[in-house]
Amino acid sequence: MQRHETDAVSVTFALIFLGIVSAWLLVAAGGADVAGLRYFFPVLLLGAGGAGLISSLLRGRRDRA
C-alpha cells in the first residue's frame, strides 16, 4: 500500500468536530455546565488553527529541502 501525505484541512475539521461532539456529550450527560464551556470552543479553534499553521510551515520547509 502506498503512503500518502496527511491532509491538514481534514485533520483540522476532524478536531473541530470531535471537540463539538465531546462538549455536547459532556453537557447532555450533566458532567459540565454550559457556562463552564465558555472558553472551550475558542481554545479548541485556536489549537486546531495553530496545528494547521505548524503543519503548513513544516510542509513548506520539507518541500524546499
N, C-alpha and C. Protein backbone atom coordinates (compact mmCIF):
# COMPACT_ATOMS: atom_id res chain seq x y z
N MET A 1 0.84 -1.17 0.00
CA MET A 1 0.00 0.00 0.00
C MET A 1 0.89 1.24 0.00
N GLN A 2 0.56 2.20 -0.86
CA GLN A 2 1.36 3.41 -0.95
C GLN A 2 1.01 4.39 0.15
N ARG A 3 2.03 5.03 0.67
CA ARG A 3 1.83 6.02 1.72
C ARG A 3 1.50 7.38 1.09
N HIS A 4 0.58 8.13 1.71
CA HIS A 4 0.21 9.43 1.19
C HIS A 4 0.35 10.48 2.28
N GLU A 5 0.38 11.74 1.86
CA GLU A 5 0.53 12.84 2.81
C GLU A 5 -0.77 13.06 3.58
N THR A 6 -0.64 13.55 4.80
CA THR A 6 -1.80 13.86 5.63
C THR A 6 -2.41 15.17 5.16
N ASP A 7 -3.72 15.19 5.03
CA ASP A 7 -4.43 16.39 4.62
C ASP A 7 -4.72 17.22 5.87
N ALA A 8 -4.06 18.38 6.01
CA ALA A 8 -4.18 19.20 7.21
C ALA A 8 -5.59 19.75 7.39
N VAL A 9 -6.28 20.06 6.31
CA VAL A 9 -7.63 20.60 6.40
C VAL A 9 -8.58 19.55 6.98
N SER A 10 -8.45 18.32 6.53
CA SER A 10 -9.31 17.25 7.05
C SER A 10 -9.06 16.99 8.52
N VAL A 11 -7.80 17.02 8.92
CA VAL A 11 -7.46 16.81 10.33
C VAL A 11 -8.01 17.95 11.18
N THR A 12 -7.91 19.17 10.69
CA THR A 12 -8.41 20.33 11.43
C THR A 12 -9.91 20.24 11.64
N PHE A 13 -10.65 19.93 10.58
CA PHE A 13 -12.09 19.82 10.72
C PHE A 13 -12.49 18.62 11.58
N ALA A 14 -11.72 17.55 11.53
CA ALA A 14 -11.99 16.40 12.40
C ALA A 14 -11.82 16.79 13.87
N LEU A 15 -10.79 17.57 14.17
CA LEU A 15 -10.58 18.03 15.55
C LEU A 15 -11.72 18.94 16.01
N ILE A 16 -12.17 19.82 15.12
CA ILE A 16 -13.29 20.70 15.46
C ILE A 16 -14.54 19.88 15.73
N PHE A 17 -14.82 18.92 14.85
CA PHE A 17 -15.99 18.07 15.02
C PHE A 17 -15.91 17.27 16.32
N LEU A 18 -14.77 16.68 16.61
CA LEU A 18 -14.62 15.92 17.85
C LEU A 18 -14.79 16.80 19.08
N GLY A 19 -14.31 18.03 19.02
CA GLY A 19 -14.49 18.96 20.14
C GLY A 19 -15.94 19.31 20.37
N ILE A 20 -16.68 19.55 19.29
CA ILE A 20 -18.10 19.88 19.42
C ILE A 20 -18.87 18.69 19.98
N VAL A 21 -18.58 17.50 19.47
CA VAL A 21 -19.27 16.29 19.94
C VAL A 21 -18.95 16.01 21.40
N SER A 22 -17.68 16.16 21.79
CA SER A 22 -17.34 15.90 23.18
C SER A 22 -17.98 16.92 24.12
N ALA A 23 -18.06 18.17 23.70
CA ALA A 23 -18.72 19.19 24.52
C ALA A 23 -20.21 18.88 24.64
N TRP A 24 -20.84 18.48 23.55
CA TRP A 24 -22.26 18.13 23.58
C TRP A 24 -22.51 16.95 24.52
N LEU A 25 -21.63 15.94 24.45
CA LEU A 25 -21.78 14.78 25.33
C LEU A 25 -21.62 15.16 26.80
N LEU A 26 -20.69 16.04 27.10
CA LEU A 26 -20.49 16.48 28.48
C LEU A 26 -21.72 17.20 29.01
N VAL A 27 -22.29 18.08 28.19
CA VAL A 27 -23.47 18.83 28.62
C VAL A 27 -24.67 17.91 28.73
N ALA A 28 -24.86 17.01 27.76
CA ALA A 28 -26.00 16.11 27.77
C ALA A 28 -25.95 15.13 28.94
N ALA A 29 -24.77 14.72 29.33
CA ALA A 29 -24.62 13.79 30.44
C ALA A 29 -24.68 14.49 31.79
N GLY A 30 -24.70 15.81 31.78
CA GLY A 30 -24.75 16.55 33.03
C GLY A 30 -23.39 16.70 33.70
N GLY A 31 -22.34 16.33 33.00
CA GLY A 31 -21.00 16.40 33.56
C GLY A 31 -20.37 17.77 33.49
N ALA A 32 -20.98 18.68 32.73
CA ALA A 32 -20.43 20.02 32.61
C ALA A 32 -21.57 21.02 32.49
N ASP A 33 -21.34 22.19 33.03
CA ASP A 33 -22.31 23.27 32.92
C ASP A 33 -22.00 24.06 31.65
N VAL A 34 -23.01 24.56 30.99
CA VAL A 34 -22.81 25.30 29.74
C VAL A 34 -21.97 26.55 29.99
N ALA A 35 -22.14 27.20 31.12
CA ALA A 35 -21.35 28.39 31.42
C ALA A 35 -19.87 28.04 31.57
N GLY A 36 -19.57 26.82 31.99
CA GLY A 36 -18.19 26.38 32.14
C GLY A 36 -17.49 26.14 30.82
N LEU A 37 -18.25 26.01 29.74
CA LEU A 37 -17.67 25.75 28.43
C LEU A 37 -17.45 27.03 27.62
N ARG A 38 -17.50 28.16 28.27
CA ARG A 38 -17.40 29.44 27.57
C ARG A 38 -16.09 29.58 26.81
N TYR A 39 -15.00 29.06 27.34
CA TYR A 39 -13.70 29.19 26.70
C TYR A 39 -13.28 27.93 25.95
N PHE A 40 -14.09 26.89 25.99
CA PHE A 40 -13.72 25.62 25.37
C PHE A 40 -13.62 25.74 23.85
N PHE A 41 -14.64 26.28 23.21
CA PHE A 41 -14.65 26.35 21.75
C PHE A 41 -13.59 27.30 21.19
N PRO A 42 -13.40 28.49 21.76
CA PRO A 42 -12.32 29.33 21.23
C PRO A 42 -10.94 28.70 21.39
N VAL A 43 -10.70 28.03 22.50
CA VAL A 43 -9.41 27.37 22.70
C VAL A 43 -9.26 26.21 21.71
N LEU A 44 -10.34 25.47 21.49
CA LEU A 44 -10.30 24.38 20.52
C LEU A 44 -10.00 24.91 19.12
N LEU A 45 -10.66 25.98 18.71
CA LEU A 45 -10.42 26.55 17.38
C LEU A 45 -9.01 27.12 17.25
N LEU A 46 -8.51 27.77 18.30
CA LEU A 46 -7.14 28.28 18.26
C LEU A 46 -6.13 27.14 18.18
N GLY A 47 -6.37 26.08 18.91
CA GLY A 47 -5.48 24.93 18.85
C GLY A 47 -5.48 24.26 17.48
N ALA A 48 -6.65 24.10 16.90
CA ALA A 48 -6.74 23.49 15.57
C ALA A 48 -6.09 24.39 14.53
N GLY A 49 -6.29 25.70 14.64
CA GLY A 49 -5.65 26.63 13.71
C GLY A 49 -4.15 26.63 13.85
N GLY A 50 -3.68 26.58 15.09
CA GLY A 50 -2.24 26.51 15.33
C GLY A 50 -1.63 25.24 14.77
N ALA A 51 -2.34 24.13 14.93
CA ALA A 51 -1.85 22.86 14.38
C ALA A 51 -1.78 22.93 12.85
N GLY A 52 -2.78 23.54 12.23
CA GLY A 52 -2.76 23.69 10.78
C GLY A 52 -1.64 24.59 10.32
N LEU A 53 -1.39 25.66 11.04
CA LEU A 53 -0.31 26.59 10.70
C LEU A 53 1.05 25.91 10.82
N ILE A 54 1.27 25.19 11.90
CA ILE A 54 2.54 24.48 12.09
C ILE A 54 2.72 23.43 11.01
N SER A 55 1.64 22.73 10.67
CA SER A 55 1.71 21.72 9.63
C SER A 55 2.10 22.32 8.29
N SER A 56 1.51 23.45 7.93
CA SER A 56 1.84 24.07 6.65
C SER A 56 3.26 24.62 6.64
N LEU A 57 3.72 25.14 7.78
CA LEU A 57 5.10 25.63 7.86
C LEU A 57 6.11 24.49 7.73
N LEU A 58 5.82 23.37 8.39
CA LEU A 58 6.72 22.23 8.29
C LEU A 58 6.72 21.64 6.89
N ARG A 59 5.56 21.63 6.25
CA ARG A 59 5.49 21.12 4.87
C ARG A 59 6.28 22.02 3.93
N GLY A 60 6.23 23.33 4.14
CA GLY A 60 6.98 24.27 3.31
C GLY A 60 8.48 24.07 3.45
N ARG A 61 8.94 23.81 4.65
CA ARG A 61 10.36 23.55 4.86
C ARG A 61 10.78 22.24 4.21
N ARG A 62 9.93 21.25 4.30
CA ARG A 62 10.23 19.93 3.74
C ARG A 62 10.28 20.01 2.21
N ASP A 63 9.40 20.83 1.61
CA ASP A 63 9.38 20.97 0.15
C ASP A 63 10.61 21.69 -0.37
N ARG A 64 11.15 22.62 0.41
CA ARG A 64 12.35 23.36 -0.02
C ARG A 64 13.59 22.50 0.03
N ALA A 65 13.62 21.53 0.94
CA ALA A 65 14.82 20.70 1.13
C ALA A 65 14.99 19.67 0.03
